[in-house]
Every structure is written in structure tokens, then in C-alpha cells.
C-alpha atoms as a PDB file:
ATOM      1  CA  MET A   1      17.362 -53.460 -24.585  1.00  0.00           C
ATOM      2  CA  ARG A   2      21.018 -52.510 -24.794  1.00  0.00           C
ATOM      3  CA  ALA A   3      21.503 -54.585 -27.801  1.00  0.00           C
ATOM      4  CA  HIS A   4      18.642 -52.996 -29.553  1.00  0.00           C
ATOM      5  CA  PHE A   5      19.810 -49.424 -28.605  1.00  0.00           C
ATOM      6  CA  VAL A   6      23.370 -50.351 -30.065  1.00  0.00           C
ATOM      7  CA  THR A   7      21.865 -51.555 -33.356  1.00  0.00           C
ATOM      8  CA  THR A   8      19.697 -48.622 -33.743  1.00  0.00           C
ATOM      9  CA  PHE A   9      22.658 -46.189 -32.841  1.00  0.00           C
ATOM     10  CA  SER A  10      24.955 -48.236 -35.434  1.00  0.00           C
ATOM     11  CA  CYS A  11      22.301 -47.648 -38.164  1.00  0.00           C
ATOM     12  CA  LEU A  12      21.964 -44.100 -37.526  1.00  0.00           C
ATOM     13  CA  MET A  13      25.618 -43.485 -37.636  1.00  0.00           C
ATOM     14  CA  ALA A  14      25.920 -45.359 -40.977  1.00  0.00           C
ATOM     15  CA  ILE A  15      23.159 -43.163 -42.260  1.00  0.00           C
ATOM     16  CA  THR A  16      24.592 -40.012 -41.031  1.00  0.00           C
ATOM     17  CA  SER A  17      27.844 -40.850 -42.384  1.00  0.00           C
ATOM     18  CA  PHE A  18      26.410 -41.628 -45.940  1.00  0.00           C
ATOM     19  CA  ALA A  19      24.600 -38.243 -45.862  1.00  0.00           C
ATOM     20  CA  SER A  20      27.816 -36.436 -44.963  1.00  0.00           C
ATOM     21  CA  ALA A  21      29.478 -37.724 -47.825  1.00  0.00           C
ATOM     22  CA  GLU A  22      27.367 -35.537 -50.390  1.00  0.00           C
ATOM     23  CA  PRO A  23      29.552 -33.539 -52.778  1.00  0.00           C
ATOM     24  CA  VAL A  24      28.659 -30.041 -54.174  1.00  0.00           C
ATOM     25  CA  ILE A  25      28.745 -28.804 -57.850  1.00  0.00           C
ATOM     26  CA  LEU A  26      29.625 -25.127 -57.692  1.00  0.00           C
ATOM     27  CA  ASN A  27      27.358 -22.779 -59.704  1.00  0.00           C
ATOM     28  CA  GLY A  28      25.044 -25.523 -61.204  1.00  0.00           C
ATOM     29  CA  ASP A  29      22.760 -22.623 -61.740  1.00  0.00           C
ATOM     30  CA  MET A  30      25.142 -21.674 -64.825  1.00  0.00           C
ATOM     31  CA  ASP A  31      25.102 -18.038 -63.754  1.00  0.00           C
ATOM     32  CA  GLY A  32      27.756 -15.748 -65.487  1.00  0.00           C
ATOM     33  CA  ASN A  33      28.093 -12.918 -67.760  1.00  0.00           C
ATOM     34  CA  VAL A  34      26.599 -13.378 -71.167  1.00  0.00           C
ATOM     35  CA  GLY A  35      29.291 -13.965 -73.816  1.00  0.00           C
ATOM     36  CA  ILE A  36      30.569 -16.058 -76.648  1.00  0.00           C
ATOM     37  CA  GLY A  37      33.341 -18.571 -75.925  1.00  0.00           C
ATOM     38  CA  PHE A  38      32.836 -18.515 -72.316  1.00  0.00           C
ATOM     39  CA  ALA A  39      32.061 -21.050 -69.306  1.00  0.00           C
ATOM     40  CA  PRO A  40      29.721 -19.867 -66.556  1.00  0.00           C
ATOM     41  CA  ALA A  41      31.355 -18.765 -63.126  1.00  0.00           C
ATOM     42  CA  ASP A  42      33.154 -21.523 -61.507  1.00  0.00           C
ATOM     43  CA  TRP A  43      33.388 -23.789 -64.721  1.00  0.00           C
ATOM     44  CA  MET A  44      36.071 -23.766 -67.349  1.00  0.00           C
ATOM     45  CA  VAL A  45      35.915 -23.963 -71.203  1.00  0.00           C
ATOM     46  CA  ALA A  46      36.642 -27.785 -71.759  1.00  0.00           C
ATOM     47  CA  GLN A  47      36.444 -27.761 -75.568  1.00  0.00           C
ATOM     48  CA  ALA A  48      35.790 -25.585 -78.359  1.00  0.00           C
ATOM     49  CA  THR A  49      33.665 -22.242 -77.710  1.00  0.00           C
ATOM     50  CA  PRO A  50      30.792 -22.796 -75.374  1.00  0.00           C
ATOM     51  CA  ASP A  51      28.651 -19.800 -74.721  1.00  0.00           C
ATOM     52  CA  VAL A  52      26.864 -18.091 -71.500  1.00  0.00           C
ATOM     53  CA  VAL A  53      23.411 -16.925 -72.859  1.00  0.00           C
ATOM     54  CA  ASP A  54      20.175 -15.635 -71.633  1.00  0.00           C
ATOM     55  CA  ALA A  55      16.654 -15.619 -73.266  1.00  0.00           C
ATOM     56  CA  PHE A  56      17.783 -13.274 -75.926  1.00  0.00           C
ATOM     57  CA  GLY A  57      21.107 -14.820 -77.196  1.00  0.00           C
ATOM     58  CA  PRO A  58      23.774 -14.418 -78.331  1.00  0.00           C
ATOM     59  CA  PHE A  59      23.095 -16.854 -81.261  1.00  0.00           C
ATOM     60  CA  ASN A  60      19.290 -16.459 -81.014  1.00  0.00           C
ATOM     61  CA  ASN A  61      18.079 -16.268 -84.701  1.00  0.00           C
ATOM     62  CA  THR A  62      14.736 -17.403 -84.121  1.00  0.00           C
ATOM     63  CA  GLY A  63      13.033 -14.030 -83.967  1.00  0.00           C
ATOM     64  CA  VAL A  64      11.530 -14.720 -80.603  1.00  0.00           C
ATOM     65  CA  PRO A  65      13.072 -14.776 -77.116  1.00  0.00           C
ATOM     66  CA  TRP A  66      14.299 -18.204 -75.874  1.00  0.00           C
ATOM     67  CA  THR A  67      12.449 -19.701 -72.918  1.00  0.00           C
ATOM     68  CA  ASP A  68      14.387 -19.693 -69.709  1.00  0.00           C
ATOM     69  CA  SER A  69      14.881 -22.876 -67.962  1.00  0.00           C
ATOM     70  CA  PRO A  70      12.810 -23.571 -64.841  1.00  0.00           C
ATOM     71  CA  ASN A  71      16.162 -22.884 -62.970  1.00  0.00           C
ATOM     72  CA  GLY A  72      16.067 -19.298 -64.335  1.00  0.00           C
ATOM     73  CA  GLY A  73      18.936 -16.750 -65.217  1.00  0.00           C
ATOM     74  CA  THR A  74      21.660 -17.465 -67.706  1.00  0.00           C
ATOM     75  CA  PHE A  75      22.210 -21.069 -69.133  1.00  0.00           C
ATOM     76  CA  ALA A  76      25.083 -22.725 -70.786  1.00  0.00           C
ATOM     77  CA  ARG A  77      24.852 -23.068 -74.706  1.00  0.00           C
ATOM     78  CA  MET A  78      26.816 -25.935 -76.302  1.00  0.00           C
ATOM     79  CA  ASN A  79      26.988 -27.224 -79.948  1.00  0.00           C
ATOM     80  CA  GLY A  80      27.355 -30.849 -80.672  1.00  0.00           C
ATOM     81  CA  VAL A  81      29.186 -31.593 -83.810  1.00  0.00           C
ATOM     82  CA  GLY A  82      29.864 -35.244 -83.953  1.00  0.00           C
ATOM     83  CA  ASN A  83      33.638 -35.067 -83.388  1.00  0.00           C
ATOM     84  CA  PHE A  84      36.400 -34.102 -80.693  1.00  0.00           C
ATOM     85  CA  GLN A  85      35.230 -30.378 -81.109  1.00  0.00           C
ATOM     86  CA  SER A  86      32.016 -30.572 -79.584  1.00  0.00           C
ATOM     87  CA  GLU A  87      31.513 -27.940 -77.072  1.00  0.00           C
ATOM     88  CA  GLY A  88      31.931 -28.512 -73.462  1.00  0.00           C
ATOM     89  CA  ILE A  89      32.590 -27.109 -69.939  1.00  0.00           C
ATOM     90  CA  SER A  90      34.356 -28.692 -66.989  1.00  0.00           C
ATOM     91  CA  GLN A  91      34.874 -28.331 -63.161  1.00  0.00           C
ATOM     92  CA  ASN A  92      37.019 -29.869 -60.746  1.00  0.00           C
ATOM     93  CA  VAL A  93      34.742 -31.359 -58.017  1.00  0.00           C
ATOM     94  CA  THR A  94      35.397 -33.105 -54.622  1.00  0.00           C
ATOM     95  CA  GLY A  95      33.650 -34.741 -51.973  1.00  0.00           C
ATOM     96  CA  PHE A  96      32.743 -38.036 -53.576  1.00  0.00           C
ATOM     97  CA  VAL A  97      33.438 -41.300 -52.206  1.00  0.00           C
ATOM     98  CA  THR A  98      35.018 -43.912 -54.595  1.00  0.00           C
ATOM     99  CA  GLY A  99      32.598 -46.802 -55.554  1.00  0.00           C
ATOM    100  CA  GLU A 100      29.531 -44.799 -54.338  1.00  0.00           C
ATOM    101  CA  THR A 101      26.826 -44.291 -56.847  1.00  0.00           C
ATOM    102  CA  TYR A 102      25.674 -40.505 -57.630  1.00  0.00           C
ATOM    103  CA  GLU A 103      22.924 -38.882 -59.700  1.00  0.00           C
ATOM    104  CA  LEU A 104      22.960 -35.741 -61.662  1.00  0.00           C
ATOM    105  CA  SER A 105      19.942 -33.804 -62.511  1.00  0.00           C
ATOM    106  CA  PHE A 106      19.891 -30.867 -64.916  1.00  0.00           C
ATOM    107  CA  PHE A 107      17.583 -29.027 -67.263  1.00  0.00           C
ATOM    108  CA  ALA A 108      18.318 -29.776 -70.966  1.00  0.00           C
ATOM    109  CA  ALA A 109      16.815 -28.316 -74.124  1.00  0.00           C
ATOM    110  CA  ASN A 110      17.397 -28.451 -77.948  1.00  0.00           C
ATOM    111  CA  LEU A 111      17.433 -24.708 -78.938  1.00  0.00           C
ATOM    112  CA  GLY A 112      17.635 -25.393 -82.809  1.00  0.00           C
ATOM    113  CA  PHE A 113      19.189 -22.836 -85.204  1.00  0.00           C
ATOM    114  CA  ARG A 114      17.528 -20.662 -87.862  1.00  0.00           C
ATOM    115  CA  VAL A 115      19.929 -19.590 -90.648  1.00  0.00           C
ATOM    116  CA  ASN A 116      19.756 -15.737 -91.214  1.00  0.00           C
ATOM    117  CA  SER A 117      20.492 -15.928 -94.785  1.00  0.00           C
ATOM    118  CA  THR A 118      17.736 -18.450 -95.682  1.00  0.00           C
ATOM    119  CA  GLY A 119      15.318 -18.620 -92.768  1.00  0.00           C
ATOM    120  CA  ALA A 120      15.718 -22.419 -92.621  1.00  0.00           C
ATOM    121  CA  TRP A 121      15.155 -23.878 -89.447  1.00  0.00           C
ATOM    122  CA  GLY A 122      18.019 -26.198 -88.669  1.00  0.00           C
ATOM    123  CA  GLY A 123      19.790 -28.366 -86.086  1.00  0.00           C
ATOM    124  CA  PHE A 124      19.798 -31.858 -85.267  1.00  0.00           C
ATOM    125  CA  ASP A 125      18.705 -34.054 -82.350  1.00  0.00           C
ATOM    126  CA  GLY A 126      21.290 -33.728 -79.535  1.00  0.00           C
ATOM    127  CA  TYR A 127      22.258 -34.872 -75.947  1.00  0.00           C
ATOM    128  CA  PHE A 128      24.832 -34.592 -73.415  1.00  0.00           C
ATOM    129  CA  GLU A 129      27.731 -36.574 -72.306  1.00  0.00           C
ATOM    130  CA  PHE A 130      29.308 -36.557 -68.903  1.00  0.00           C
ATOM    131  CA  TYR A 131      32.979 -37.282 -68.303  1.00  0.00           C
ATOM    132  CA  ALA A 132      35.095 -37.936 -65.018  1.00  0.00           C
ATOM    133  CA  ASP A 133      38.820 -37.344 -65.774  1.00  0.00           C
ATOM    134  CA  GLY A 134      38.233 -38.011 -69.503  1.00  0.00           C
ATOM    135  CA  GLN A 135      36.149 -41.238 -68.962  1.00  0.00           C
ATOM    136  CA  LEU A 136      32.663 -41.236 -70.261  1.00  0.00           C
ATOM    137  CA  VAL A 137      30.532 -42.169 -67.276  1.00  0.00           C
ATOM    138  CA  ALA A 138      26.912 -41.034 -68.409  1.00  0.00           C
ATOM    139  CA  THR A 139      24.759 -40.056 -71.349  1.00  0.00           C
ATOM    140  CA  SER A 140      21.619 -37.942 -71.353  1.00  0.00           C
ATOM    141  CA  ASP A 141      18.532 -38.759 -73.455  1.00  0.00           C
ATOM    142  CA  ALA A 142      18.162 -37.061 -76.813  1.00  0.00           C
ATOM    143  CA  LEU A 143      16.196 -34.182 -77.430  1.00  0.00           C
ATOM    144  CA  SER A 144      14.860 -32.912 -80.704  1.00  0.00           C
ATOM    145  CA  LYS A 145      14.369 -29.217 -81.781  1.00  0.00           C
ATOM    146  CA  GLN A 146      10.862 -27.432 -81.881  1.00  0.00           C
ATOM    147  CA  ALA A 147       8.742 -28.086 -84.974  1.00  0.00           C
ATOM    148  CA  ALA A 148       9.198 -24.182 -85.825  1.00  0.00           C
ATOM    149  CA  SER A 149      11.588 -21.584 -85.001  1.00  0.00           C
ATOM    150  CA  THR A 150       8.724 -19.551 -83.323  1.00  0.00           C
ATOM    151  CA  ASP A 151       7.687 -22.428 -81.003  1.00  0.00           C
ATOM    152  CA  PRO A 152       8.762 -21.870 -77.401  1.00  0.00           C
ATOM    153  CA  ILE A 153      11.850 -23.706 -76.197  1.00  0.00           C
ATOM    154  CA  GLN A 154      10.885 -27.002 -74.159  1.00  0.00           C
ATOM    155  CA  TRP A 155      13.110 -27.600 -71.105  1.00  0.00           C
ATOM    156  CA  VAL A 156      13.138 -31.188 -69.843  1.00  0.00           C
ATOM    157  CA  GLN A 157      14.459 -32.187 -66.398  1.00  0.00           C
ATOM    158  CA  GLN A 158      16.805 -35.384 -66.632  1.00  0.00           C
ATOM    159  CA  THR A 159      18.892 -37.408 -64.396  1.00  0.00           C
ATOM    160  CA  VAL A 160      21.759 -39.715 -65.020  1.00  0.00           C
ATOM    161  CA  GLN A 161      23.855 -41.963 -62.560  1.00  0.00           C
ATOM    162  CA  PHE A 162      27.456 -42.960 -62.481  1.00  0.00           C
ATOM    163  CA  GLU A 163      29.714 -44.611 -60.026  1.00  0.00           C
ATOM    164  CA  ALA A 164      32.581 -42.367 -58.694  1.00  0.00           C
ATOM    165  CA  SER A 165      36.080 -43.877 -59.417  1.00  0.00           C
ATOM    166  CA  SER A 166      37.861 -41.368 -57.235  1.00  0.00           C
ATOM    167  CA  ASN A 167      36.952 -38.920 -54.401  1.00  0.00           C
ATOM    168  CA  GLU A 168      37.838 -35.969 -56.699  1.00  0.00           C
ATOM    169  CA  PHE A 169      37.952 -35.601 -60.459  1.00  0.00           C
ATOM    170  CA  LEU A 170      37.403 -33.455 -63.425  1.00  0.00           C
ATOM    171  CA  LEU A 171      33.871 -33.364 -64.276  1.00  0.00           C
ATOM    172  CA  GLU A 172      33.268 -32.471 -68.013  1.00  0.00           C
ATOM    173  CA  ILE A 173      30.009 -31.867 -69.631  1.00  0.00           C
ATOM    174  CA  ARG A 174      29.781 -31.944 -73.585  1.00  0.00           C
ATOM    175  CA  ALA A 175      26.965 -31.570 -76.085  1.00  0.00           C
ATOM    176  CA  GLU A 176      26.848 -34.061 -78.802  1.00  0.00           C
ATOM    177  CA  THR A 177      24.679 -34.757 -81.914  1.00  0.00           C
ATOM    178  CA  VAL A 178      22.571 -37.599 -82.917  1.00  0.00           C
ATOM    179  CA  GLY A 179      23.567 -36.774 -86.508  1.00  0.00           C
ATOM    180  CA  ALA A 180      26.725 -37.551 -88.575  1.00  0.00           C
ATOM    181  CA  GLU A 181      29.884 -35.362 -88.067  1.00  0.00           C
ATOM    182  CA  LEU A 182      29.022 -31.611 -88.464  1.00  0.00           C
ATOM    183  CA  GLN A 183      25.257 -32.165 -88.335  1.00  0.00           C
ATOM    184  CA  ILE A 184      25.195 -29.810 -85.448  1.00  0.00           C
ATOM    185  CA  SER A 185      22.902 -30.029 -82.384  1.00  0.00           C
ATOM    186  CA  TYR A 186      22.501 -26.714 -80.504  1.00  0.00           C
ATOM    187  CA  MET A 187      21.843 -27.511 -76.820  1.00  0.00           C
ATOM    188  CA  GLY A 188      21.040 -25.616 -73.633  1.00  0.00           C
ATOM    189  CA  LEU A 189      22.069 -26.836 -70.143  1.00  0.00           C
ATOM    190  CA  ASP A 190      20.970 -25.358 -66.666  1.00  0.00           C
ATOM    191  CA  GLY A 191      20.299 -26.245 -63.114  1.00  0.00           C
ATOM    192  CA  VAL A 192      22.903 -29.144 -62.677  1.00  0.00           C
ATOM    193  CA  ASP A 193      22.929 -30.753 -59.180  1.00  0.00           C
ATOM    194  CA  VAL A 194      24.374 -33.901 -57.676  1.00  0.00           C
ATOM    195  CA  SER A 195      23.150 -36.272 -54.979  1.00  0.00           C
ATOM    196  CA  VAL A 196      24.078 -39.683 -53.505  1.00  0.00           C
ATOM    197  CA  VAL A 197      22.130 -42.658 -54.628  1.00  0.00           C
ATOM    198  CA  PRO A 198      21.223 -44.547 -51.373  1.00  0.00           C
ATOM    199  CA  ALA A 199      22.960 -47.979 -51.162  1.00  0.00           C
ATOM    200  CA  PRO A 200      20.572 -50.813 -50.400  1.00  0.00           C
ATOM    201  CA  SER A 201      22.090 -51.488 -46.972  1.00  0.00           C
ATOM    202  CA  SER A 202      21.219 -47.819 -46.169  1.00  0.00           C
ATOM    203  CA  VAL A 203      17.630 -48.347 -47.300  1.00  0.00           C
ATOM    204  CA  VAL A 204      17.272 -51.423 -45.134  1.00  0.00           C
ATOM    205  CA  ALA A 205      18.719 -49.536 -42.174  1.00  0.00           C
ATOM    206  CA  LEU A 206      16.133 -46.828 -42.503  1.00  0.00           C
ATOM    207  CA  ALA A 207      13.520 -49.305 -42.779  1.00  0.00           C
ATOM    208  CA  MET A 208      14.637 -51.062 -39.654  1.00  0.00           C
ATOM    209  CA  ILE A 209      14.813 -47.965 -37.685  1.00  0.00           C
ATOM    210  CA  GLY A 210      11.090 -47.047 -38.769  1.00  0.00           C
ATOM    211  CA  PHE A 211       9.832 -50.578 -37.899  1.00  0.00           C
ATOM    212  CA  THR A 212      11.602 -50.650 -34.539  1.00  0.00           C
ATOM    213  CA  SER A 213      10.276 -47.266 -33.471  1.00  0.00           C
ATOM    214  CA  THR A 214       6.749 -48.565 -34.481  1.00  0.00           C
ATOM    215  CA  ARG A 215       7.122 -51.689 -32.364  1.00  0.00           C
ATOM    216  CA  ARG A 216       8.327 -49.466 -29.519  1.00  0.00           C
ATOM    217  CA  ARG A 217       5.383 -47.285 -29.763  1.00  0.00           C
ATOM    218  CA  ARG A 218       3.057 -50.214 -29.492  1.00  0.00           C
END
């Protein structure tokens, strides 16, 4: 009985320790004052001139309001231009465990761009890149703009995973284009969150505790 208790207690301690290692990203909601060339609160401008926008803009030339993400509020707008001037935001993050795998979830949209002078509906497929201390660690799925400028924006929730190389680092998120250089994608980002991906040993420990509890009830 004592050996059984010690094993169960050890499993619980391992899981508790694992859960306590969950880091936090500040203002993943991308809240901030609407403006051109700004990052949301708690974020920094990493490259070029990202914007904080709401359903009406700025740079909304579609003639209809943008659709807010399911997260609501303001969101970050970034251009992917196919070179080192793609727009990006960054934040110093802590609380990670070196070697652990983490999952970032977020809402992404391709906003497109209507040229005021011609009315042409432009923009290319785009995606987001995620960097830790300047090293590319994850890439999102690519999204296409809507068929017409009057179509509502489609927000998609995506996830990416990466392994932490240190317990604190500079997290940078950049927009990018599938097109050639200067074939610009116009991307929206909101609702960024992070969670620990359970290691196989932790999953096994949970299963063991559940199995043991079932046997004791019998």
C-alpha cells in the first residue's frame, strides 16, 4: 500500500510541476490604441510599421467594416513583403522550460487590400512566422484573401508548436507573403495564447493514476 501511495504521489508531483511551468504571453488579445506604426500594448515594433486596428481601419479600403476576430477588440495588422522589411511585433517572454514543447494558438486573417485609385482588389496569400531570439521556430498555414472586397473577413484559429531553447527569449511574430518580393500580403493577428504540450511521460502518469483509482474503487 505504501509503495502504491508513493508511486501515485510521485506522479501527481510530476504533473503539478509540469503544470506550474506554463508561461504567459502578455496582451495576446492585441488590445491597444488604434494607430499606424504602433504595436499593441505590452508588445514592441520589431520590424517596419505594424498597425493596431479595429473593424474600421486604418487602411481598410474595402468600403465595408472588417470583421472582428472571435477574440474581439482591436487586432494587429501586418504586411508580409517577401524581404527583411516584413512587418512584425515582439515581446520578451519568460517562464518557459528549456527543451519543453509549447503550442501557440491564435486567430489569423488575410485582410486583402483594395486600391483606392483603381478599385482593384489586391493582396497575396500570406502567413505568419514565429521567431525566438531571431531564430525561426514555427510557421503558420497560409491564408488567401476573400474573393471580393465586399466579402466579410474570415478569421481562422491556428496552432503551431515549437521547442523552447531557453526559459526566456524574445518572441517575434512577422507577417509574410507567399508571393515574390513586394507581392504584399495584408494580414491580421489576434488572440495569441501559449500552452505546454504534455510530454508522453506526463500523459502516461495521468493514465496510471486514473487506472489505479478505478482499481481501488473496485
